[in-house]
Amino acid sequence: VWGESVLAARASRRVAEALREATGVPALAAGKLALL
């Protein structure tokens, strides 16, 4: 999960947390350099 701006990145972390809680499957929210 990726968001570019400060608030979009903040939302991406919350969405990734919700995905992990929903399924138990790893979900990663990070910046472009970490995801590439």
PDB file of all heavy atoms in Angstrom:
ATOM      1  N   VAL A   1       0.852  -1.193   0.000  1.00  0.00           N
ATOM      2  CA  VAL A   1       0.000   0.000   0.000  1.00  0.00           C
ATOM      3  C   VAL A   1       0.881   1.233   0.000  1.00  0.00           C
ATOM      4  O   VAL A   1       1.821   1.352   0.798  1.00  0.00           O
ATOM      5  CB  VAL A   1      -0.940   0.003   1.228  1.00  0.00           C
ATOM      6  CG1 VAL A   1      -2.035   1.058   1.050  1.00  0.00           C
ATOM      7  CG2 VAL A   1      -1.570  -1.369   1.456  1.00  0.00           C
ATOM      8  N   TRP A   2       0.568   2.169  -0.885  1.00  0.00           N
ATOM      9  CA  TRP A   2       1.438   3.325  -1.054  1.00  0.00           C
ATOM     10  C   TRP A   2       0.647   4.604  -1.271  1.00  0.00           C
ATOM     11  O   TRP A   2      -0.302   4.649  -2.055  1.00  0.00           O
ATOM     12  CB  TRP A   2       2.368   3.102  -2.248  1.00  0.00           C
ATOM     13  CG  TRP A   2       3.303   4.243  -2.516  1.00  0.00           C
ATOM     14  CD1 TRP A   2       4.158   4.816  -1.635  1.00  0.00           C
ATOM     15  CD2 TRP A   2       3.455   4.950  -3.742  1.00  0.00           C
ATOM     16  NE1 TRP A   2       4.858   5.832  -2.233  1.00  0.00           N
ATOM     17  CE2 TRP A   2       4.451   5.932  -3.529  1.00  0.00           C
ATOM     18  CE3 TRP A   2       2.864   4.840  -4.996  1.00  0.00           C
ATOM     19  CZ2 TRP A   2       4.850   6.819  -4.529  1.00  0.00           C
ATOM     20  CZ3 TRP A   2       3.272   5.707  -6.004  1.00  0.00           C
ATOM     21  CH2 TRP A   2       4.261   6.691  -5.763  1.00  0.00           C
ATOM     22  N   GLY A   3       1.041   5.647  -0.549  1.00  0.00           N
ATOM     23  CA  GLY A   3       0.534   6.991  -0.766  1.00  0.00           C
ATOM     24  C   GLY A   3       1.703   7.950  -0.817  1.00  0.00           C
ATOM     25  O   GLY A   3       2.647   7.833  -0.022  1.00  0.00           O
ATOM     26  N   GLU A   4       1.658   8.929  -1.717  1.00  0.00           N
ATOM     27  CA  GLU A   4       2.819   9.790  -1.948  1.00  0.00           C
ATOM     28  C   GLU A   4       2.909  10.944  -0.955  1.00  0.00           C
ATOM     29  O   GLU A   4       3.959  11.191  -0.380  1.00  0.00           O
ATOM     30  CB  GLU A   4       2.761  10.346  -3.375  1.00  0.00           C
ATOM     31  CG  GLU A   4       3.910  11.280  -3.742  1.00  0.00           C
ATOM     32  CD  GLU A   4       5.213  10.533  -3.996  1.00  0.00           C
ATOM     33  OE1 GLU A   4       5.226   9.297  -3.920  1.00  0.00           O
ATOM     34  OE2 GLU A   4       6.217  11.207  -4.252  1.00  0.00           O
ATOM     35  N   SER A   5       1.803  11.659  -0.724  1.00  0.00           N
ATOM     36  CA  SER A   5       1.841  12.817   0.167  1.00  0.00           C
ATOM     37  C   SER A   5       1.859  12.364   1.626  1.00  0.00           C
ATOM     38  O   SER A   5       1.685  11.185   1.943  1.00  0.00           O
ATOM     39  CB  SER A   5       0.633  13.718  -0.089  1.00  0.00           C
ATOM     40  OG  SER A   5      -0.553  13.076   0.347  1.00  0.00           O
ATOM     41  N   VAL A   6       2.030  13.309   2.536  1.00  0.00           N
ATOM     42  CA  VAL A   6       2.097  12.995   3.967  1.00  0.00           C
ATOM     43  C   VAL A   6       0.801  12.340   4.433  1.00  0.00           C
ATOM     44  O   VAL A   6       0.809  11.299   5.110  1.00  0.00           O
ATOM     45  CB  VAL A   6       2.387  14.267   4.781  1.00  0.00           C
ATOM     46  CG1 VAL A   6       2.266  13.976   6.279  1.00  0.00           C
ATOM     47  CG2 VAL A   6       3.780  14.811   4.466  1.00  0.00           C
ATOM     48  N   LEU A   7      -0.340  12.938   4.071  1.00  0.00           N
ATOM     49  CA  LEU A   7      -1.620  12.388   4.522  1.00  0.00           C
ATOM     50  C   LEU A   7      -1.964  11.090   3.797  1.00  0.00           C
ATOM     51  O   LEU A   7      -2.521  10.164   4.402  1.00  0.00           O
ATOM     52  CB  LEU A   7      -2.735  13.422   4.335  1.00  0.00           C
ATOM     53  CG  LEU A   7      -2.765  14.548   5.376  1.00  0.00           C
ATOM     54  CD1 LEU A   7      -3.828  15.577   5.020  1.00  0.00           C
ATOM     55  CD2 LEU A   7      -3.014  14.010   6.783  1.00  0.00           C
ATOM     56  N   ALA A   8      -1.644  10.990   2.518  1.00  0.00           N
ATOM     57  CA  ALA A   8      -1.903   9.742   1.793  1.00  0.00           C
ATOM     58  C   ALA A   8      -1.049   8.609   2.353  1.00  0.00           C
ATOM     59  O   ALA A   8      -1.512   7.467   2.469  1.00  0.00           O
ATOM     60  CB  ALA A   8      -1.633   9.929   0.302  1.00  0.00           C
ATOM     61  N   ALA A   9       0.195   8.915   2.715  1.00  0.00           N
ATOM     62  CA  ALA A   9       1.048   7.893   3.340  1.00  0.00           C
ATOM     63  C   ALA A   9       0.486   7.477   4.685  1.00  0.00           C
ATOM     64  O   ALA A   9       0.535   6.297   5.061  1.00  0.00           O
ATOM     65  CB  ALA A   9       2.469   8.428   3.492  1.00  0.00           C
ATOM     66  N   ARG A  10      -0.062   8.445   5.420  1.00  0.00           N
ATOM     67  CA  ARG A  10      -0.689   8.126   6.710  1.00  0.00           C
ATOM     68  C   ARG A  10      -1.894   7.217   6.507  1.00  0.00           C
ATOM     69  O   ARG A  10      -2.090   6.234   7.236  1.00  0.00           O
ATOM     70  CB  ARG A  10      -1.118   9.422   7.387  1.00  0.00           C
ATOM     71  CG  ARG A  10      -1.684   9.239   8.781  1.00  0.00           C
ATOM     72  CD  ARG A  10      -0.607   8.923   9.773  1.00  0.00           C
ATOM     73  NE  ARG A  10      -1.162   8.357  10.982  1.00  0.00           N
ATOM     74  CZ  ARG A  10      -0.514   7.529  11.771  1.00  0.00           C
ATOM     75  NH1 ARG A  10       0.712   7.163  11.472  1.00  0.00           N
ATOM     76  NH2 ARG A  10      -1.061   7.057  12.858  1.00  0.00           N
ATOM     77  N   ALA A  11      -2.706   7.520   5.493  1.00  0.00           N
ATOM     78  CA  ALA A  11      -3.859   6.668   5.195  1.00  0.00           C
ATOM     79  C   ALA A  11      -3.421   5.273   4.773  1.00  0.00           C
ATOM     80  O   ALA A  11      -4.055   4.273   5.136  1.00  0.00           O
ATOM     81  CB  ALA A  11      -4.710   7.316   4.097  1.00  0.00           C
ATOM     82  N   SER A  12      -2.323   5.189   4.019  1.00  0.00           N
ATOM     83  CA  SER A  12      -1.845   3.875   3.565  1.00  0.00           C
ATOM     84  C   SER A  12      -1.459   2.995   4.747  1.00  0.00           C
ATOM     85  O   SER A  12      -1.701   1.781   4.733  1.00  0.00           O
ATOM     86  CB  SER A  12      -0.664   4.037   2.603  1.00  0.00           C
ATOM     87  OG  SER A  12       0.504   4.455   3.286  1.00  0.00           O
ATOM     88  N   ARG A  13      -0.881   3.589   5.784  1.00  0.00           N
ATOM     89  CA  ARG A  13      -0.511   2.794   6.960  1.00  0.00           C
ATOM     90  C   ARG A  13      -1.753   2.284   7.687  1.00  0.00           C
ATOM     91  O   ARG A  13      -1.780   1.142   8.153  1.00  0.00           O
ATOM     92  CB  ARG A  13       0.377   3.628   7.894  1.00  0.00           C
ATOM     93  CG  ARG A  13       1.785   3.855   7.352  1.00  0.00           C
ATOM     94  CD  ARG A  13       2.696   4.457   8.383  1.00  0.00           C
ATOM     95  NE  ARG A  13       2.407   5.865   8.631  1.00  0.00           N
ATOM     96  CZ  ARG A  13       2.933   6.868   7.934  1.00  0.00           C
ATOM     97  NH1 ARG A  13       3.765   6.607   6.933  1.00  0.00           N
ATOM     98  NH2 ARG A  13       2.637   8.117   8.220  1.00  0.00           N
ATOM     99  N   ARG A  14      -2.771   3.111   7.791  1.00  0.00           N
ATOM    100  CA  ARG A  14      -4.008   2.686   8.446  1.00  0.00           C
ATOM    101  C   ARG A  14      -4.709   1.594   7.634  1.00  0.00           C
ATOM    102  O   ARG A  14      -5.264   0.644   8.195  1.00  0.00           O
ATOM    103  CB  ARG A  14      -4.938   3.881   8.636  1.00  0.00           C
ATOM    104  CG  ARG A  14      -4.527   4.782   9.799  1.00  0.00           C
ATOM    105  CD  ARG A  14      -4.801   4.081  11.119  1.00  0.00           C
ATOM    106  NE  ARG A  14      -4.377   4.866  12.259  1.00  0.00           N
ATOM    107  CZ  ARG A  14      -3.458   4.508  13.126  1.00  0.00           C
ATOM    108  NH1 ARG A  14      -2.813   3.356  12.943  1.00  0.00           N
ATOM    109  NH2 ARG A  14      -3.146   5.246  14.156  1.00  0.00           N
ATOM    110  N   VAL A  15      -4.705   1.714   6.317  1.00  0.00           N
ATOM    111  CA  VAL A  15      -5.332   0.694   5.473  1.00  0.00           C
ATOM    112  C   VAL A  15      -4.566  -0.626   5.587  1.00  0.00           C
ATOM    113  O   VAL A  15      -5.169  -1.702   5.694  1.00  0.00           O
ATOM    114  CB  VAL A  15      -5.394   1.169   4.003  1.00  0.00           C
ATOM    115  CG1 VAL A  15      -5.829   0.028   3.081  1.00  0.00           C
ATOM    116  CG2 VAL A  15      -6.361   2.344   3.874  1.00  0.00           C
ATOM    117  N   ALA A  16      -3.245  -0.557   5.578  1.00  0.00           N
ATOM    118  CA  ALA A  16      -2.434  -1.778   5.716  1.00  0.00           C
ATOM    119  C   ALA A  16      -2.708  -2.457   7.056  1.00  0.00           C
ATOM    120  O   ALA A  16      -2.805  -3.690   7.136  1.00  0.00           O
ATOM    121  CB  ALA A  16      -0.954  -1.451   5.566  1.00  0.00           C
ATOM    122  N   GLU A  17      -2.835  -1.674   8.126  1.00  0.00           N
ATOM    123  CA  GLU A  17      -3.167  -2.242   9.440  1.00  0.00           C
ATOM    124  C   GLU A  17      -4.506  -2.964   9.389  1.00  0.00           C
ATOM    125  O   GLU A  17      -4.654  -4.070   9.929  1.00  0.00           O
ATOM    126  CB  GLU A  17      -3.213  -1.136  10.489  1.00  0.00           C
ATOM    127  CG  GLU A  17      -1.865  -0.555  10.866  1.00  0.00           C
ATOM    128  CD  GLU A  17      -2.007   0.628  11.802  1.00  0.00           C
ATOM    129  OE1 GLU A  17      -3.149   0.922  12.227  1.00  0.00           O
ATOM    130  OE2 GLU A  17      -0.978   1.258  12.122  1.00  0.00           O
ATOM    131  N   ALA A  18      -5.496  -2.334   8.747  1.00  0.00           N
ATOM    132  CA  ALA A  18      -6.826  -2.940   8.653  1.00  0.00           C
ATOM    133  C   ALA A  18      -6.792  -4.229   7.843  1.00  0.00           C
ATOM    134  O   ALA A  18      -7.480  -5.205   8.185  1.00  0.00           O
ATOM    135  CB  ALA A  18      -7.807  -1.948   8.033  1.00  0.00           C
ATOM    136  N   LEU A  19      -5.993  -4.255   6.788  1.00  0.00           N
ATOM    137  CA  LEU A  19      -5.876  -5.471   5.972  1.00  0.00           C
ATOM    138  C   LEU A  19      -5.223  -6.601   6.760  1.00  0.00           C
ATOM    139  O   LEU A  19      -5.642  -7.760   6.670  1.00  0.00           O
ATOM    140  CB  LEU A  19      -5.073  -5.169   4.708  1.00  0.00           C
ATOM    141  CG  LEU A  19      -5.746  -4.245   3.684  1.00  0.00           C
ATOM    142  CD1 LEU A  19      -4.759  -3.840   2.598  1.00  0.00           C
ATOM    143  CD2 LEU A  19      -6.967  -4.918   3.069  1.00  0.00           C
ATOM    144  N   ARG A  20      -4.201  -6.269   7.532  1.00  0.00           N
ATOM    145  CA  ARG A  20      -3.546  -7.298   8.355  1.00  0.00           C
ATOM    146  C   ARG A  20      -4.507  -7.852   9.402  1.00  0.00           C
ATOM    147  O   ARG A  20      -4.563  -9.062   9.637  1.00  0.00           O
ATOM    148  CB  ARG A  20      -2.297  -6.724   9.036  1.00  0.00           C
ATOM    149  CG  ARG A  20      -1.144  -6.427   8.095  1.00  0.00           C
ATOM    150  CD  ARG A  20       0.141  -6.195   8.855  1.00  0.00           C
ATOM    151  NE  ARG A  20       0.079  -5.023   9.716  1.00  0.00           N
ATOM    152  CZ  ARG A  20       0.444  -3.796   9.349  1.00  0.00           C
ATOM    153  NH1 ARG A  20       0.884  -3.591   8.114  1.00  0.00           N
ATOM    154  NH2 ARG A  20       0.378  -2.793  10.189  1.00  0.00           N
ATOM    155  N   GLU A  21      -5.256  -6.972  10.045  1.00  0.00           N
ATOM    156  CA  GLU A  21      -6.200  -7.415  11.063  1.00  0.00           C
ATOM    157  C   GLU A  21      -7.318  -8.262  10.462  1.00  0.00           C
ATOM    158  O   GLU A  21      -7.812  -9.195  11.092  1.00  0.00           O
ATOM    159  CB  GLU A  21      -6.796  -6.204  11.781  1.00  0.00           C
ATOM    160  CG  GLU A  21      -5.795  -5.445  12.646  1.00  0.00           C
ATOM    161  CD  GLU A  21      -6.387  -4.167  13.200  1.00  0.00           C
ATOM    162  OE1 GLU A  21      -7.584  -3.900  12.950  1.00  0.00           O
ATOM    163  OE2 GLU A  21      -5.651  -3.425  13.891  1.00  0.00           O
ATOM    164  N   ALA A  22      -7.715  -7.945   9.238  1.00  0.00           N
ATOM    165  CA  ALA A  22      -8.839  -8.637   8.611  1.00  0.00           C
ATOM    166  C   ALA A  22      -8.485 -10.052   8.204  1.00  0.00           C
ATOM    167  O   ALA A  22      -9.332 -10.960   8.283  1.00  0.00           O
ATOM    168  CB  ALA A  22      -9.323  -7.849   7.396  1.00  0.00           C
ATOM    169  N   THR A  23      -7.251 -10.281   7.762  1.00  0.00           N
ATOM    170  CA  THR A  23      -6.908 -11.577   7.166  1.00  0.00           C
ATOM    171  C   THR A  23      -5.751 -12.293   7.847  1.00  0.00           C
ATOM    172  O   THR A  23      -5.592 -13.503   7.662  1.00  0.00           O
ATOM    173  CB  THR A  23      -6.536 -11.393   5.682  1.00  0.00           C
ATOM    174  OG1 THR A  23      -5.357 -10.587   5.594  1.00  0.00           O
ATOM    175  CG2 THR A  23      -7.667 -10.723   4.920  1.00  0.00           C
ATOM    176  N   GLY A  24      -4.931 -11.573   8.587  1.00  0.00           N
ATOM    177  CA  GLY A  24      -3.734 -12.180   9.145  1.00  0.00           C
ATOM    178  C   GLY A  24      -2.607 -12.307   8.138  1.00  0.00           C
ATOM    179  O   GLY A  24      -1.520 -12.788   8.463  1.00  0.00           O
ATOM    180  N   VAL A  25      -2.847 -11.868   6.902  1.00  0.00           N
ATOM    181  CA  VAL A  25      -1.826 -11.909   5.850  1.00  0.00           C
ATOM    182  C   VAL A  25      -0.987 -10.634   5.928  1.00  0.00           C
ATOM    183  O   VAL A  25      -1.526  -9.554   6.186  1.00  0.00           O
ATOM    184  CB  VAL A  25      -2.493 -12.027   4.460  1.00  0.00           C
ATOM    185  CG1 VAL A  25      -1.464 -11.900   3.346  1.00  0.00           C
ATOM    186  CG2 VAL A  25      -3.235 -13.338   4.350  1.00  0.00           C
ATOM    187  N   PRO A  26       0.331 -10.717   5.714  1.00  0.00           N
ATOM    188  CA  PRO A  26       1.148  -9.500   5.747  1.00  0.00           C
ATOM    189  C   PRO A  26       0.653  -8.471   4.735  1.00  0.00           C
ATOM    190  O   PRO A  26       0.281  -8.804   3.607  1.00  0.00           O
ATOM    191  CB  PRO A  26       2.551 -10.003   5.381  1.00  0.00           C
ATOM    192  CG  PRO A  26       2.536 -11.453   5.701  1.00  0.00           C
ATOM    193  CD  PRO A  26       1.138 -11.927   5.459  1.00  0.00           C
ATOM    194  N   ALA A  27       0.626  -7.221   5.163  1.00  0.00           N
ATOM    195  CA  ALA A  27       0.328  -6.102   4.278  1.00  0.00           C
ATOM    196  C   ALA A  27       1.294  -4.993   4.646  1.00  0.00           C
ATOM    197  O   ALA A  27       1.448  -4.667   5.831  1.00  0.00           O
ATOM    198  CB  ALA A  27      -1.119  -5.646   4.422  1.00  0.00           C
ATOM    199  N   LEU A  28       1.944  -4.413   3.659  1.00  0.00           N
ATOM    200  CA  LEU A  28       3.009  -3.454   3.919  1.00  0.00           C
ATOM    201  C   LEU A  28       2.651  -2.093   3.346  1.00  0.00           C
ATOM    202  O   LEU A  28       2.276  -1.973   2.181  1.00  0.00           O
ATOM    203  CB  LEU A  28       4.319  -3.941   3.292  1.00  0.00           C
ATOM    204  CG  LEU A  28       5.510  -2.977   3.363  1.00  0.00           C
ATOM    205  CD1 LEU A  28       5.937  -2.753   4.810  1.00  0.00           C
ATOM    206  CD2 LEU A  28       6.677  -3.515   2.537  1.00  0.00           C
ATOM    207  N   ALA A  29       2.764  -1.072   4.179  1.00  0.00           N
ATOM    208  CA  ALA A  29       2.661   0.316   3.728  1.00  0.00           C
ATOM    209  C   ALA A  29       4.036   0.942   3.877  1.00  0.00           C
ATOM    210  O   ALA A  29       4.615   0.929   4.964  1.00  0.00           O
ATOM    211  CB  ALA A  29       1.630   1.074   4.547  1.00  0.00           C
ATOM    212  N   ALA A  30       4.559   1.482   2.799  1.00  0.00           N
ATOM    213  CA  ALA A  30       5.916   2.036   2.840  1.00  0.00           C
ATOM    214  C   ALA A  30       6.074   3.045   1.709  1.00  0.00           C
ATOM    215  O   ALA A  30       5.192   3.202   0.850  1.00  0.00           O
ATOM    216  CB  ALA A  30       6.960   0.924   2.718  1.00  0.00           C
ATOM    217  N   GLY A  31       7.220   3.722   1.708  1.00  0.00           N
ATOM    218  CA  GLY A  31       7.524   4.673   0.660  1.00  0.00           C
ATOM    219  C   GLY A  31       8.014   3.995  -0.609  1.00  0.00           C
ATOM    220  O   GLY A  31       8.261   2.784  -0.640  1.00  0.00           O
ATOM    221  N   LYS A  32       8.178   4.801  -1.640  1.00  0.00           N
ATOM    222  CA  LYS A  32       8.569   4.266  -2.947  1.00  0.00           C
ATOM    223  C   LYS A  32       9.904   3.534  -2.886  1.00  0.00           C
ATOM    224  O   LYS A  32      10.055   2.444  -3.446  1.00  0.00           O
ATOM    225  CB  LYS A  32       8.644   5.407  -3.960  1.00  0.00           C
ATOM    226  CG  LYS A  32       9.001   4.956  -5.371  1.00  0.00           C
ATOM    227  CD  LYS A  32       9.253   6.150  -6.278  1.00  0.00           C
ATOM    228  CE  LYS A  32       8.019   7.001  -6.435  1.00  0.00           C
ATOM    229  NZ  LYS A  32       8.222   8.115  -7.398  1.00  0.00           N
ATOM    230  N   LEU A  33      10.869   4.095  -2.176  1.00  0.00           N
ATOM    231  CA  LEU A  33      12.200   3.489  -2.141  1.00  0.00           C
ATOM    232  C   LEU A  33      12.183   2.136  -1.440  1.00  0.00           C
ATOM    233  O   LEU A  33      12.997   1.257  -1.753  1.00  0.00           O
ATOM    234  CB  LEU A  33      13.187   4.430  -1.443  1.00  0.00           C
ATOM    235  CG  LEU A  33      13.487   5.745  -2.167  1.00  0.00           C
ATOM    236  CD1 LEU A  33      14.463   6.589  -1.364  1.00  0.00           C
ATOM    237  CD2 LEU A  33      14.033   5.481  -3.569  1.00  0.00           C
ATOM    238  N   ALA A  34      11.275   1.959  -0.486  1.00  0.00           N
ATOM    239  CA  ALA A  34      11.185   0.677   0.208  1.00  0.00           C
ATOM    240  C   ALA A  34      10.419  -0.358  -0.613  1.00  0.00           C
ATOM    241  O   ALA A  34      10.706  -1.559  -0.532  1.00  0.00           O
ATOM    242  CB  ALA A  34      10.517   0.864   1.570  1.00  0.00           C
ATOM    243  N   LEU A  35       9.443   0.089  -1.399  1.00  0.00           N
ATOM    244  CA  LEU A  35       8.625  -0.852  -2.164  1.00  0.00           C
ATOM    245  C   LEU A  35       9.285  -1.301  -3.462  1.00  0.00           C
ATOM    246  O   LEU A  35       9.067  -2.427  -3.922  1.00  0.00           O
ATOM    247  CB  LEU A  35       7.260  -0.227  -2.476  1.00  0.00           C
ATOM    248  CG  LEU A  35       6.343   0.030  -1.286  1.00  0.00           C
ATOM    249  CD1 LEU A  35       5.034   0.647  -1.760  1.00  0.00           C
ATOM    250  CD2 LEU A  35       6.073  -1.247  -0.506  1.00  0.00           C
ATOM    251  N   LEU A  36      10.090  -0.427  -4.060  1.00  0.00           N
ATOM    252  CA  LEU A  36      10.694  -0.765  -5.355  1.00  0.00           C
ATOM    253  C   LEU A  36      11.496  -2.064  -5.332  1.00  0.00           C
ATOM    254  O   LEU A  36      11.342  -2.898  -6.243  1.00  0.00           O
ATOM    255  CB  LEU A  36      11.565   0.393  -5.847  1.00  0.00           C
ATOM    256  CG  LEU A  36      10.847   1.490  -6.636  1.00  0.00           C
ATOM    257  CD1 LEU A  36      11.792   2.633  -6.953  1.00  0.00           C
ATOM    258  CD2 LEU A  36      10.236   0.934  -7.910  1.00  0.00           C
TER     259      LEU A  36
END
